[in-house]
C-alpha atoms as a PDB file:
ATOM      1  CA  MET A   1       0.000   0.000   0.000  1.00  0.00           C
ATOM      2  CA  LEU A   2       1.408   3.378  -0.993  1.00  0.00           C
ATOM      3  CA  THR A   3       1.570   6.359   1.320  1.00  0.00           C
ATOM      4  CA  ASP A   4      -0.564   9.365   0.503  1.00  0.00           C
ATOM      5  CA  ARG A   5       2.488  11.239  -0.774  1.00  0.00           C
ATOM      6  CA  GLN A   6       3.627   8.347  -2.962  1.00  0.00           C
ATOM      7  CA  GLU A   7       0.139   7.968  -4.399  1.00  0.00           C
ATOM      8  CA  ARG A   8      -0.103  11.665  -5.266  1.00  0.00           C
ATOM      9  CA  VAL A   9       3.340  11.664  -6.899  1.00  0.00           C
ATOM     10  CA  LEU A  10       2.537   8.535  -8.902  1.00  0.00           C
ATOM     11  CA  GLN A  11      -0.818   9.870 -10.062  1.00  0.00           C
ATOM     12  CA  ARG A  12       0.658  13.195 -11.160  1.00  0.00           C
ATOM     13  CA  LEU A  13       3.553  11.500 -12.956  1.00  0.00           C
ATOM     14  CA  VAL A  14       1.210   9.181 -14.869  1.00  0.00           C
ATOM     15  CA  GLU A  15      -0.987  12.123 -15.869  1.00  0.00           C
ATOM     16  CA  ALA A  16       2.056  14.125 -17.004  1.00  0.00           C
ATOM     17  CA  TYR A  17       3.402  11.189 -19.007  1.00  0.00           C
ATOM     18  CA  LEU A  18       0.038  10.526 -20.650  1.00  0.00           C
ATOM     19  CA  ASP A  19      -0.163  14.198 -21.652  1.00  0.00           C
ATOM     20  CA  ALA A  20       3.382  14.691 -22.951  1.00  0.00           C
ATOM     21  CA  GLY A  21       4.672  11.224 -23.756  1.00  0.00           C
ATOM     22  CA  VAL A  22       8.159  11.952 -22.406  1.00  0.00           C
ATOM     23  CA  PRO A  23       9.844  10.764 -19.187  1.00  0.00           C
ATOM     24  CA  VAL A  24       8.913  12.923 -16.204  1.00  0.00           C
ATOM     25  CA  GLY A  25      11.522  14.239 -13.778  1.00  0.00           C
ATOM     26  CA  SER A  26      11.379  15.619 -10.244  1.00  0.00           C
ATOM     27  CA  LYS A  27      11.748  19.187 -11.477  1.00  0.00           C
ATOM     28  CA  ALA A  28       8.581  18.977 -13.584  1.00  0.00           C
ATOM     29  CA  LEU A  29       6.665  17.419 -10.691  1.00  0.00           C
ATOM     30  CA  ALA A  30       7.856  20.058  -8.223  1.00  0.00           C
ATOM     31  CA  GLU A  31       5.569  22.579  -9.947  1.00  0.00           C
ATOM     32  CA  SER A  32       2.559  20.539  -8.756  1.00  0.00           C
ATOM     33  CA  PHE A  33       3.544  20.206  -5.113  1.00  0.00           C
ATOM     34  CA  THR A  34       4.841  22.305  -2.231  1.00  0.00           C
ATOM     35  CA  TRP A  35       7.526  19.735  -1.433  1.00  0.00           C
ATOM     36  CA  GLY A  36      11.086  20.315  -2.514  1.00  0.00           C
ATOM     37  CA  PRO A  37      12.730  18.469  -5.449  1.00  0.00           C
ATOM     38  CA  SER A  38      14.812  16.337  -3.067  1.00  0.00           C
ATOM     39  CA  THR A  39      11.665  15.040  -1.370  1.00  0.00           C
ATOM     40  CA  ILE A  40      10.080  14.245  -4.710  1.00  0.00           C
ATOM     41  CA  ARG A  41      13.250  12.501  -5.895  1.00  0.00           C
ATOM     42  CA  GLY A  42      13.097  10.308  -2.804  1.00  0.00           C
ATOM     43  CA  GLU A  43       9.483   9.376  -3.500  1.00  0.00           C
ATOM     44  CA  LEU A  44      10.294   8.625  -7.133  1.00  0.00           C
ATOM     45  CA  ALA A  45      13.116   6.346  -6.082  1.00  0.00           C
ATOM     46  CA  SER A  46      10.783   4.531  -3.671  1.00  0.00           C
ATOM     47  CA  LEU A  47       8.138   4.115  -6.366  1.00  0.00           C
ATOM     48  CA  GLU A  48      10.752   2.723  -8.730  1.00  0.00           C
ATOM     49  CA  GLU A  49      11.908   0.205  -6.128  1.00  0.00           C
ATOM     50  CA  LEU A  50       8.291  -0.848  -5.642  1.00  0.00           C
ATOM     51  CA  GLY A  51       7.935  -1.482  -9.386  1.00  0.00           C
ATOM     52  CA  TYR A  52       5.558   1.357 -10.273  1.00  0.00           C
ATOM     53  CA  LEU A  53       8.097   3.412 -12.261  1.00  0.00           C
ATOM     54  CA  GLN A  54      11.110   2.770 -14.432  1.00  0.00           C
ATOM     55  CA  HIS A  55      14.019   4.695 -15.976  1.00  0.00           C
ATOM     56  CA  PRO A  56      14.158   4.434 -19.794  1.00  0.00           C
ATOM     57  CA  HIS A  57      17.656   5.952 -19.573  1.00  0.00           C
ATOM     58  CA  THR A  58      19.960   6.576 -16.624  1.00  0.00           C
ATOM     59  CA  SER A  59      19.808  10.368 -16.802  1.00  0.00           C
ATOM     60  CA  ALA A  60      16.204  10.635 -17.958  1.00  0.00           C
ATOM     61  CA  GLY A  61      13.042  11.048 -15.940  1.00  0.00           C
ATOM     62  CA  ARG A  62      10.755   8.159 -15.117  1.00  0.00           C
ATOM     63  CA  VAL A  63       7.816   6.528 -16.894  1.00  0.00           C
ATOM     64  CA  PRO A  64       5.058   4.286 -15.503  1.00  0.00           C
ATOM     65  CA  THR A  65       5.350   0.510 -15.583  1.00  0.00           C
ATOM     66  CA  GLU A  66       2.302  -1.712 -16.118  1.00  0.00           C
ATOM     67  CA  ALA A  67       1.927  -1.769 -12.334  1.00  0.00           C
ATOM     68  CA  GLY A  68       1.991   2.022 -12.292  1.00  0.00           C
ATOM     69  CA  TYR A  69      -0.728   2.211 -14.918  1.00  0.00           C
ATOM     70  CA  ARG A  70      -2.774  -0.372 -13.030  1.00  0.00           C
ATOM     71  CA  TYR A  71      -2.557   1.602  -9.765  1.00  0.00           C
ATOM     72  CA  PHE A  72      -3.606   4.747 -11.631  1.00  0.00           C
ATOM     73  CA  VAL A  73      -6.539   3.067 -13.406  1.00  0.00           C
ATOM     74  CA  ASP A  74      -7.789   1.318 -10.258  1.00  0.00           C
ATOM     75  CA  ARG A  75      -8.245   4.721  -8.636  1.00  0.00           C
ATOM     76  CA  LEU A  76      -9.683   6.247 -11.782  1.00  0.00           C
ATOM     77  CA  LEU A  77     -12.440   3.666 -12.358  1.00  0.00           C
ATOM     78  CA  PRO A  78     -14.544   4.373  -9.225  1.00  0.00           C
ATOM     79  CA  ALA A  79     -14.608   8.103  -9.972  1.00  0.00           C
ATOM     80  CA  GLU A  80     -15.630   7.506 -13.579  1.00  0.00           C
ATOM     81  CA  ALA A  81     -18.313   5.004 -12.541  1.00  0.00           C
ATOM     82  CA  ALA A  82     -19.879   7.652 -10.311  1.00  0.00           C
ATOM     83  CA  ALA A  83     -19.867  10.323 -13.040  1.00  0.00           C
ATOM     84  CA  PRO A  84     -23.072  10.819 -15.081  1.00  0.00           C
ATOM     85  CA  VAL A  85     -23.266   9.088 -18.461  1.00  0.00           C
ATOM     86  CA  ARG A  86     -22.981  11.394 -21.453  1.00  0.00           C
ATOM     87  CA  ARG A  87     -25.213  10.081 -24.238  1.00  0.00           C
ATOM     88  CA  PRO A  88     -24.484  12.539 -27.113  1.00  0.00           C
ATOM     89  CA  ALA A  89     -21.104  10.918 -27.894  1.00  0.00           C
ATOM     90  CA  VAL A  90     -22.717   8.106 -29.922  1.00  0.00           C
ATOM     91  CA  ALA A  91     -26.087   8.944 -31.480  1.00  0.00           C
ATOM     92  CA  LEU A  92     -28.013   5.950 -32.821  1.00  0.00           C
ATOM     93  CA  SER A  93     -31.545   7.283 -33.124  1.00  0.00           C
ATOM     94  CA  VAL A  94     -31.261   7.840 -36.885  1.00  0.00           C
ATOM     95  CA  VAL A  95     -30.530   4.157 -37.435  1.00  0.00           C
ATOM     96  CA  ARG A  96     -32.809   2.754 -34.774  1.00  0.00           C
ATOM     97  CA  HIS A  97     -33.946  -0.276 -36.778  1.00  0.00           C
ATOM     98  CA  GLU A  98     -30.822  -0.803 -38.880  1.00  0.00           C
ATOM     99  CA  VAL A  99     -28.817  -3.116 -36.673  1.00  0.00           C
ATOM    100  CA  ASP A 100     -25.682  -3.449 -38.795  1.00  0.00           C
ATOM    101  CA  GLU A 101     -25.555   0.281 -39.376  1.00  0.00           C
ATOM    102  CA  ALA A 102     -25.998   0.968 -35.667  1.00  0.00           C
ATOM    103  CA  MET A 103     -23.093  -1.312 -34.783  1.00  0.00           C
ATOM    104  CA  ARG A 104     -20.857   0.210 -37.450  1.00  0.00           C
ATOM    105  CA  THR A 105     -21.795   3.736 -36.402  1.00  0.00           C
ATOM    106  CA  THR A 106     -20.863   2.938 -32.817  1.00  0.00           C
ATOM    107  CA  THR A 107     -17.537   1.405 -33.838  1.00  0.00           C
ATOM    108  CA  GLU A 108     -16.513   4.224 -36.172  1.00  0.00           C
ATOM    109  CA  THR A 109     -17.587   6.959 -33.756  1.00  0.00           C
ATOM    110  CA  LEU A 110     -15.822   5.323 -30.823  1.00  0.00           C
ATOM    111  CA  SER A 111     -12.590   5.001 -32.808  1.00  0.00           C
ATOM    112  CA  GLN A 112     -12.769   8.642 -33.893  1.00  0.00           C
ATOM    113  CA  ILE A 113     -13.481   9.893 -30.375  1.00  0.00           C
ATOM    114  CA  THR A 114     -10.644   7.956 -28.752  1.00  0.00           C
ATOM    115  CA  ASN A 115      -8.227   7.743 -31.691  1.00  0.00           C
ATOM    116  CA  LEU A 116      -7.858   4.054 -30.832  1.00  0.00           C
ATOM    117  CA  LEU A 117      -8.840   0.716 -32.318  1.00  0.00           C
ATOM    118  CA  ALA A 118     -12.536   0.197 -31.492  1.00  0.00           C
ATOM    119  CA  LEU A 119     -14.342  -3.151 -31.405  1.00  0.00           C
ATOM    120  CA  VAL A 120     -18.041  -3.900 -30.917  1.00  0.00           C
ATOM    121  CA  THR A 121     -19.650  -7.336 -30.749  1.00  0.00           C
ATOM    122  CA  ALA A 122     -23.243  -7.916 -31.799  1.00  0.00           C
ATOM    123  CA  PRO A 123     -25.553 -10.043 -29.636  1.00  0.00           C
ATOM    124  CA  PRO A 124     -24.762 -13.776 -29.921  1.00  0.00           C
ATOM    125  CA  ILE A 125     -27.098 -16.336 -31.382  1.00  0.00           C
ATOM    126  CA  ASP A 126     -28.571 -17.434 -28.050  1.00  0.00           C
ATOM    127  CA  THR A 127     -30.039 -13.974 -27.429  1.00  0.00           C
ATOM    128  CA  ALA A 128     -32.057 -13.857 -30.685  1.00  0.00           C
ATOM    129  CA  THR A 129     -35.517 -15.282 -31.225  1.00  0.00           C
ATOM    130  CA  ILE A 130     -37.893 -15.365 -34.178  1.00  0.00           C
ATOM    131  CA  ARG A 131     -40.268 -12.408 -34.152  1.00  0.00           C
ATOM    132  CA  HIS A 132     -42.291 -12.829 -37.370  1.00  0.00           C
ATOM    133  CA  ILE A 133     -42.470 -14.996 -40.498  1.00  0.00           C
ATOM    134  CA  GLU A 134     -43.993 -14.195 -43.880  1.00  0.00           C
ATOM    135  CA  VAL A 135     -44.661 -16.789 -46.606  1.00  0.00           C
ATOM    136  CA  ILE A 136     -45.358 -14.883 -49.833  1.00  0.00           C
ATOM    137  CA  ALA A 137     -46.408 -16.226 -53.233  1.00  0.00           C
ATOM    138  CA  LEU A 138     -44.473 -14.211 -55.838  1.00  0.00           C
ATOM    139  CA  GLN A 139     -45.571 -16.396 -58.746  1.00  0.00           C
ATOM    140  CA  PRO A 140     -47.664 -19.578 -58.893  1.00  0.00           C
ATOM    141  CA  GLN A 141     -44.507 -21.674 -58.610  1.00  0.00           C
ATOM    142  CA  VAL A 142     -42.256 -19.245 -56.678  1.00  0.00           C
ATOM    143  CA  LEU A 143     -42.463 -18.429 -52.977  1.00  0.00           C
ATOM    144  CA  MET A 144     -40.424 -16.193 -50.701  1.00  0.00           C
ATOM    145  CA  VAL A 145     -40.062 -16.776 -46.980  1.00  0.00           C
ATOM    146  CA  VAL A 146     -39.081 -13.783 -44.817  1.00  0.00           C
ATOM    147  CA  VAL A 147     -37.948 -14.287 -41.214  1.00  0.00           C
ATOM    148  CA  ILE A 148     -37.489 -11.337 -38.840  1.00  0.00           C
ATOM    149  CA  THR A 149     -35.610 -11.877 -35.571  1.00  0.00           C
ATOM    150  CA  SER A 150     -35.782 -10.079 -32.241  1.00  0.00           C
ATOM    151  CA  THR A 151     -32.373  -8.512 -32.911  1.00  0.00           C
ATOM    152  CA  GLY A 152     -33.607  -6.848 -36.089  1.00  0.00           C
ATOM    153  CA  GLY A 153     -32.119  -9.381 -38.496  1.00  0.00           C
ATOM    154  CA  VAL A 154     -34.040 -10.133 -41.692  1.00  0.00           C
ATOM    155  CA  THR A 155     -33.516 -13.335 -43.689  1.00  0.00           C
ATOM    156  CA  LYS A 156     -35.131 -13.934 -47.079  1.00  0.00           C
ATOM    157  CA  ARG A 157     -35.078 -17.070 -49.232  1.00  0.00           C
ATOM    158  CA  MET A 158     -36.720 -17.928 -52.531  1.00  0.00           C
ATOM    159  CA  PHE A 159     -38.244 -21.348 -53.209  1.00  0.00           C
ATOM    160  CA  THR A 160     -39.163 -22.632 -56.687  1.00  0.00           C
ATOM    161  CA  PHE A 161     -41.527 -25.593 -57.070  1.00  0.00           C
ATOM    162  CA  ASP A 162     -42.170 -27.856 -60.029  1.00  0.00           C
ATOM    163  CA  GLY A 163     -45.797 -26.810 -60.256  1.00  0.00           C
ATOM    164  CA  PRO A 164     -48.203 -24.153 -58.928  1.00  0.00           C
ATOM    165  CA  VAL A 165     -48.547 -24.074 -55.140  1.00  0.00           C
ATOM    166  CA  ASP A 166     -51.983 -24.027 -53.569  1.00  0.00           C
ATOM    167  CA  THR A 167     -52.529 -20.498 -52.151  1.00  0.00           C
ATOM    168  CA  GLY A 168     -54.464 -22.004 -49.253  1.00  0.00           C
ATOM    169  CA  LEU A 169     -51.387 -24.056 -48.350  1.00  0.00           C
ATOM    170  CA  VAL A 170     -49.253 -20.907 -48.506  1.00  0.00           C
ATOM    171  CA  ASP A 171     -51.573 -19.027 -46.153  1.00  0.00           C
ATOM    172  CA  TRP A 172     -51.719 -21.995 -43.792  1.00  0.00           C
ATOM    173  CA  ALA A 173     -47.929 -22.295 -43.703  1.00  0.00           C
ATOM    174  CA  GLY A 174     -47.515 -18.627 -42.788  1.00  0.00           C
ATOM    175  CA  ALA A 175     -50.003 -18.891 -39.925  1.00  0.00           C
ATOM    176  CA  TYR A 176     -48.625 -22.234 -38.718  1.00  0.00           C
ATOM    177  CA  LEU A 177     -44.982 -21.131 -38.735  1.00  0.00           C
ATOM    178  CA  ASN A 178     -45.777 -17.994 -36.747  1.00  0.00           C
ATOM    179  CA  GLU A 179     -47.822 -19.997 -34.268  1.00  0.00           C
ATOM    180  CA  ARG A 180     -45.091 -22.588 -33.751  1.00  0.00           C
ATOM    181  CA  LEU A 181     -41.886 -20.564 -34.051  1.00  0.00           C
ATOM    182  CA  VAL A 182     -42.419 -16.973 -32.859  1.00  0.00           C
ATOM    183  CA  GLY A 183     -40.408 -16.528 -29.682  1.00  0.00           C
ATOM    184  CA  THR A 184     -38.226 -19.567 -30.416  1.00  0.00           C
ATOM    185  CA  GLY A 185     -34.421 -19.331 -30.367  1.00  0.00           C
ATOM    186  CA  LEU A 186     -32.431 -19.681 -33.578  1.00  0.00           C
ATOM    187  CA  GLY A 187     -30.887 -23.092 -32.959  1.00  0.00           C
ATOM    188  CA  ALA A 188     -31.582 -25.326 -35.964  1.00  0.00           C
ATOM    189  CA  ARG A 189     -32.367 -28.363 -33.774  1.00  0.00           C
ATOM    190  CA  THR A 190     -34.826 -26.365 -31.655  1.00  0.00           C
ATOM    191  CA  LEU A 191     -36.618 -25.056 -34.719  1.00  0.00           C
ATOM    192  CA  GLY A 192     -36.877 -28.492 -36.294  1.00  0.00           C
ATOM    193  CA  MET A 193     -38.372 -29.985 -33.137  1.00  0.00           C
ATOM    194  CA  ARG A 194     -40.949 -27.196 -32.920  1.00  0.00           C
ATOM    195  CA  LEU A 195     -42.204 -28.050 -36.411  1.00  0.00           C
ATOM    196  CA  ARG A 196     -42.805 -31.716 -35.651  1.00  0.00           C
ATOM    197  CA  ASP A 197     -46.529 -32.305 -35.246  1.00  0.00           C
ATOM    198  CA  PRO A 198     -48.184 -35.733 -35.614  1.00  0.00           C
ATOM    199  CA  GLY A 199     -51.440 -33.980 -36.431  1.00  0.00           C
ATOM    200  CA  LEU A 200     -50.165 -32.715 -39.805  1.00  0.00           C
ATOM    201  CA  ASN A 201     -51.067 -34.526 -43.010  1.00  0.00           C
ATOM    202  CA  ALA A 202     -48.499 -35.700 -45.558  1.00  0.00           C
ATOM    203  CA  THR A 203     -48.927 -32.666 -47.833  1.00  0.00           C
ATOM    204  CA  GLU A 204     -48.377 -30.223 -44.979  1.00  0.00           C
ATOM    205  CA  VAL A 205     -45.313 -32.119 -43.700  1.00  0.00           C
ATOM    206  CA  ALA A 206     -43.770 -32.210 -47.177  1.00  0.00           C
ATOM    207  CA  PHE A 207     -44.406 -28.501 -47.730  1.00  0.00           C
ATOM    208  CA  LEU A 208     -42.833 -27.509 -44.409  1.00  0.00           C
ATOM    209  CA  SER A 209     -39.822 -29.708 -45.215  1.00  0.00           C
ATOM    210  CA  GLU A 210     -39.312 -27.721 -48.410  1.00  0.00           C
ATOM    211  CA  LEU A 211     -39.264 -24.454 -46.405  1.00  0.00           C
ATOM    212  CA  LEU A 212     -37.064 -25.698 -43.554  1.00  0.00           C
ATOM    213  CA  PRO A 213     -33.716 -24.634 -45.166  1.00  0.00           C
ATOM    214  CA  VAL A 214     -34.504 -20.957 -44.516  1.00  0.00           C
ATOM    215  CA  PHE A 215     -34.392 -21.658 -40.786  1.00  0.00           C
ATOM    216  CA  THR A 216     -31.212 -23.726 -41.080  1.00  0.00           C
ATOM    217  CA  ASP A 217     -29.569 -20.818 -42.920  1.00  0.00           C
ATOM    218  CA  LEU A 218     -30.814 -18.468 -40.234  1.00  0.00           C
ATOM    219  CA  ALA A 219     -29.296 -20.543 -37.447  1.00  0.00           C
ATOM    220  CA  THR A 220     -25.907 -21.032 -39.112  1.00  0.00           C
ATOM    221  CA  GLY A 221     -25.667 -17.420 -40.255  1.00  0.00           C
ATOM    222  CA  ALA A 222     -26.557 -15.776 -36.969  1.00  0.00           C
ATOM    223  CA  GLN A 223     -23.186 -16.247 -35.315  1.00  0.00           C
ATOM    224  CA  ASP A 224     -21.530 -13.570 -33.224  1.00  0.00           C
ATOM    225  CA  ARG A 225     -20.428 -10.607 -35.313  1.00  0.00           C
ATOM    226  CA  LEU A 226     -17.409  -8.453 -34.671  1.00  0.00           C
ATOM    227  CA  TYR A 227     -17.152  -4.878 -35.906  1.00  0.00           C
ATOM    228  CA  PHE A 228     -13.857  -3.016 -35.678  1.00  0.00           C
ATOM    229  CA  ASP A 229     -12.419   0.259 -36.912  1.00  0.00           C
ATOM    230  CA  GLY A 230      -9.152   2.133 -36.450  1.00  0.00           C
ATOM    231  CA  THR A 231      -6.456  -0.520 -37.012  1.00  0.00           C
ATOM    232  CA  ALA A 232      -4.278   2.058 -38.763  1.00  0.00           C
ATOM    233  CA  ARG A 233      -4.144   4.118 -35.586  1.00  0.00           C
ATOM    234  CA  LEU A 234      -2.182   1.347 -33.869  1.00  0.00           C
ATOM    235  CA  LEU A 235       0.375   1.385 -36.659  1.00  0.00           C
ATOM    236  CA  SER A 236       1.174   5.095 -36.435  1.00  0.00           C
ATOM    237  CA  ALA A 237       4.794   6.038 -35.811  1.00  0.00           C
ATOM    238  CA  ASP A 238       4.441   6.943 -32.143  1.00  0.00           C
ATOM    239  CA  ARG A 239       2.580   3.732 -31.339  1.00  0.00           C
ATOM    240  CA  SER A 240       4.434   1.203 -33.442  1.00  0.00           C
ATOM    241  CA  GLY A 241       5.678  -0.942 -30.506  1.00  0.00           C
ATOM    242  CA  ASP A 242       6.779  -4.471 -31.295  1.00  0.00           C
ATOM    243  CA  VAL A 243       6.054  -5.308 -34.931  1.00  0.00           C
ATOM    244  CA  THR A 244       5.672  -8.995 -34.097  1.00  0.00           C
ATOM    245  CA  GLU A 245       3.003  -8.267 -31.501  1.00  0.00           C
ATOM    246  CA  LEU A 246       1.134  -5.930 -33.839  1.00  0.00           C
ATOM    247  CA  ASN A 247       1.189  -8.599 -36.552  1.00  0.00           C
ATOM    248  CA  ALA A 248      -0.227 -11.052 -34.008  1.00  0.00           C
ATOM    249  CA  LEU A 249      -3.014  -8.578 -33.246  1.00  0.00           C
ATOM    250  CA  MET A 250      -3.842  -8.151 -36.929  1.00  0.00           C
ATOM    251  CA  GLU A 251      -3.958 -11.921 -37.426  1.00  0.00           C
ATOM    252  CA  MET A 252      -6.179 -12.213 -34.346  1.00  0.00           C
ATOM    253  CA  LEU A 253      -8.601  -9.667 -35.812  1.00  0.00           C
ATOM    254  CA  GLU A 254      -8.673 -11.565 -39.079  1.00  0.00           C
ATOM    255  CA  ARG A 255      -9.561 -14.810 -37.295  1.00  0.00           C
ATOM    256  CA  ARG A 256     -12.178 -12.999 -35.209  1.00  0.00           C
ATOM    257  CA  VAL A 257     -13.064 -16.110 -33.211  1.00  0.00           C
ATOM    258  CA  THR A 258     -10.184 -15.522 -30.805  1.00  0.00           C
ATOM    259  CA  VAL A 259     -11.144 -11.882 -30.287  1.00  0.00           C
ATOM    260  CA  LEU A 260     -14.778 -12.801 -29.777  1.00  0.00           C
ATOM    261  CA  GLY A 261     -13.716 -15.204 -27.044  1.00  0.00           C
ATOM    262  CA  VAL A 262     -11.844 -12.449 -25.221  1.00  0.00           C
ATOM    263  CA  LEU A 263     -14.650  -9.930 -25.568  1.00  0.00           C
ATOM    264  CA  ARG A 264     -17.269 -12.453 -24.519  1.00  0.00           C
ATOM    265  CA  SER A 265     -15.576 -12.654 -21.124  1.00  0.00           C
ATOM    266  CA  VAL A 266     -16.313  -8.943 -20.679  1.00  0.00           C
ATOM    267  CA  LEU A 267     -20.026  -9.727 -20.379  1.00  0.00           C
ATOM    268  CA  ALA A 268     -19.504 -11.103 -16.888  1.00  0.00           C
ATOM    269  CA  GLU A 269     -18.078  -7.791 -15.663  1.00  0.00           C
ATOM    270  CA  PRO A 270     -20.528  -5.367 -13.997  1.00  0.00           C
ATOM    271  CA  GLU A 271     -18.483  -2.254 -14.803  1.00  0.00           C
ATOM    272  CA  VAL A 272     -15.874  -1.052 -17.285  1.00  0.00           C
ATOM    273  CA  LEU A 273     -12.981  -3.511 -17.518  1.00  0.00           C
ATOM    274  CA  VAL A 274      -9.386  -2.374 -18.062  1.00  0.00           C
ATOM    275  CA  ARG A 275      -6.611  -4.859 -18.842  1.00  0.00           C
ATOM    276  CA  ILE A 276      -3.096  -3.487 -19.137  1.00  0.00           C
ATOM    277  CA  GLY A 277      -0.256  -5.105 -21.070  1.00  0.00           C
ATOM    278  CA  THR A 278       0.524  -8.614 -19.858  1.00  0.00           C
ATOM    279  CA  GLU A 279      -2.762  -8.751 -17.946  1.00  0.00           C
ATOM    280  CA  ASN A 280      -4.152  -9.669 -21.367  1.00  0.00           C
ATOM    281  CA  GLU A 281      -3.962 -13.394 -22.068  1.00  0.00           C
ATOM    282  CA  LEU A 282      -3.369 -13.149 -25.812  1.00  0.00           C
ATOM    283  CA  PRO A 283       0.137 -12.456 -27.208  1.00  0.00           C
ATOM    284  CA  GLY A 284      -1.294  -9.913 -29.626  1.00  0.00           C
ATOM    285  CA  LEU A 285      -2.372  -7.735 -26.700  1.00  0.00           C
ATOM    286  CA  ALA A 286       0.688  -8.158 -24.460  1.00  0.00           C
ATOM    287  CA  SER A 287       2.010  -4.638 -25.125  1.00  0.00           C
ATOM    288  CA  LEU A 288      -1.393  -2.958 -25.372  1.00  0.00           C
ATOM    289  CA  SER A 289      -4.274  -1.973 -23.112  1.00  0.00           C
ATOM    290  CA  LEU A 290      -7.921  -3.009 -23.464  1.00  0.00           C
ATOM    291  CA  VAL A 291     -10.830  -0.943 -22.134  1.00  0.00           C
ATOM    292  CA  ALA A 292     -14.193  -2.692 -22.472  1.00  0.00           C
ATOM    293  CA  ALA A 293     -17.771  -2.738 -21.210  1.00  0.00           C
ATOM    294  CA  GLY A 294     -20.829  -4.859 -21.825  1.00  0.00           C
ATOM    295  CA  TYR A 295     -24.143  -3.502 -23.066  1.00  0.00           C
ATOM    296  CA  GLY A 296     -27.726  -4.669 -22.868  1.00  0.00           C
ATOM    297  CA  PRO A 297     -30.652  -4.645 -20.424  1.00  0.00           C
ATOM    298  CA  PRO A 298     -29.890  -5.094 -16.707  1.00  0.00           C
ATOM    299  CA  GLN A 299     -28.941  -8.702 -15.912  1.00  0.00           C
ATOM    300  CA  ARG A 300     -28.945  -9.562 -19.643  1.00  0.00           C
ATOM    301  CA  PRO A 301     -25.660  -8.669 -21.365  1.00  0.00           C
ATOM    302  CA  LEU A 302     -25.916  -8.817 -25.148  1.00  0.00           C
ATOM    303  CA  GLY A 303     -22.509  -7.718 -26.425  1.00  0.00           C
ATOM    304  CA  SER A 304     -19.466  -5.623 -25.679  1.00  0.00           C
ATOM    305  CA  VAL A 305     -17.857  -2.307 -26.611  1.00  0.00           C
ATOM    306  CA  SER A 306     -14.098  -1.904 -26.350  1.00  0.00           C
ATOM    307  CA  VAL A 307     -11.033   0.021 -27.432  1.00  0.00           C
ATOM    308  CA  ILE A 308      -7.461  -1.213 -27.766  1.00  0.00           C
ATOM    309  CA  GLY A 309      -4.457   1.069 -27.660  1.00  0.00           C
ATOM    310  CA  PRO A 310      -0.943   1.564 -26.312  1.00  0.00           C
ATOM    311  CA  LEU A 311      -0.103   1.488 -22.615  1.00  0.00           C
ATOM    312  CA  ARG A 312       0.213   5.239 -22.842  1.00  0.00           C
ATOM    313  CA  MET A 313      -3.408   6.021 -23.650  1.00  0.00           C
ATOM    314  CA  ASP A 314      -5.880   8.520 -22.278  1.00  0.00           C
ATOM    315  CA  TYR A 315      -7.473   6.083 -19.836  1.00  0.00           C
ATOM    316  CA  ARG A 316      -9.966   8.599 -18.495  1.00  0.00           C
ATOM    317  CA  GLY A 317     -11.174   9.489 -21.988  1.00  0.00           C
ATOM    318  CA  ALA A 318     -11.235   5.848 -23.103  1.00  0.00           C
ATOM    319  CA  ILE A 319     -13.220   4.729 -20.059  1.00  0.00           C
ATOM    320  CA  ARG A 320     -15.771   7.508 -20.557  1.00  0.00           C
ATOM    321  CA  ALA A 321     -16.124   6.878 -24.286  1.00  0.00           C
ATOM    322  CA  VAL A 322     -16.575   3.118 -23.846  1.00  0.00           C
ATOM    323  CA  ARG A 323     -19.090   3.601 -21.055  1.00  0.00           C
ATOM    324  CA  ASP A 324     -21.063   6.151 -23.094  1.00  0.00           C
ATOM    325  CA  ALA A 325     -21.103   3.908 -26.165  1.00  0.00           C
ATOM    326  CA  ALA A 326     -22.255   0.929 -24.091  1.00  0.00           C
ATOM    327  CA  ALA A 327     -25.072   3.036 -22.627  1.00  0.00           C
ATOM    328  CA  ALA A 328     -26.164   4.184 -26.102  1.00  0.00           C
ATOM    329  CA  LEU A 329     -26.215   0.602 -27.396  1.00  0.00           C
ATOM    330  CA  SER A 330     -28.141  -0.547 -24.322  1.00  0.00           C
ATOM    331  CA  ASP A 331     -30.810   2.034 -25.128  1.00  0.00           C
ATOM    332  CA  PHE A 332     -30.806   1.030 -28.798  1.00  0.00           C
ATOM    333  CA  TRP A 333     -31.199  -2.680 -28.150  1.00  0.00           C
ATOM    334  CA  GLY A 334     -33.846  -1.979 -25.535  1.00  0.00           C
ATOM    335  CA  ASP A 335     -35.902  -0.306 -28.244  1.00  0.00           C
ATOM    336  CA  VAL A 336     -35.197  -3.084 -30.742  1.00  0.00           C
ATOM    337  CA  TYR A 337     -36.403  -5.790 -28.369  1.00  0.00           C
ATOM    338  CA  GLN A 338     -39.536  -3.826 -27.487  1.00  0.00           C
ATOM    339  CA  THR A 339     -40.625  -3.196 -31.084  1.00  0.00           C
END
């Protein structure tokens, strides 16, 4: 546990380093305190021995270590959690029913606000249910089935038959599918079981079997989606870091599955999560920091919002931006599920 003086010196040094990006010496810190430079030098030496600071060069000032950043962030998070949420940062009202556009808008806006790599995950398959089904006769032999999910997704599939289809059978199928499947999750096995009914005649069973592929497509295509924007910002000259690690991050983003696994763990966190450097399990994040938060109704997390950047990032700004974006998406998805 640090003394009050050590904590104040560490906090001011981290803030100064985040602002300027250059090692901070006792002379620069003396302007913030009434203590003399010799006292501050003693505190800096103690903080270095404790592992919170390091010397990049013998004669230079000091910079935070991962432990120094962690101490700073741990004291920053409670204050930010108590601050009011600012909703104007990410405005989604103009795309209220366009799910993909809403997710992309959030990702792009978050990256622009923070100047970091932003990632947003859409709700996973087990949160979506079927909301409505339409079976439409386009031509005597051509039908279209439209399935709308609770997360705003719309799936359409055309079916062509060898001969004209009885319009009465088409109307019956639309009513039957809505009766049996509305409110059902998107798992293909669940949907198939819901359609089994010993009371159906052979014609009805055969017709439903012809339409079943639309629901199989829906189940296999409704996997978790990852949206990201701002990869170039991590490759800028002042943030280049280890090229090998950055390549690992790019490969991880391409695979997506690995990233989705990391971000899915965020859903269990009640507040904004900050992982610094080697606190991240993946090699591609070992020299970077992750700030993330889940979104969705209370007690029902749907997805996550996050930014990735260098250890020297504006943690206060990143935490606020992520929290605001998560709040905006929570409002958005609340409206989507209610409509």
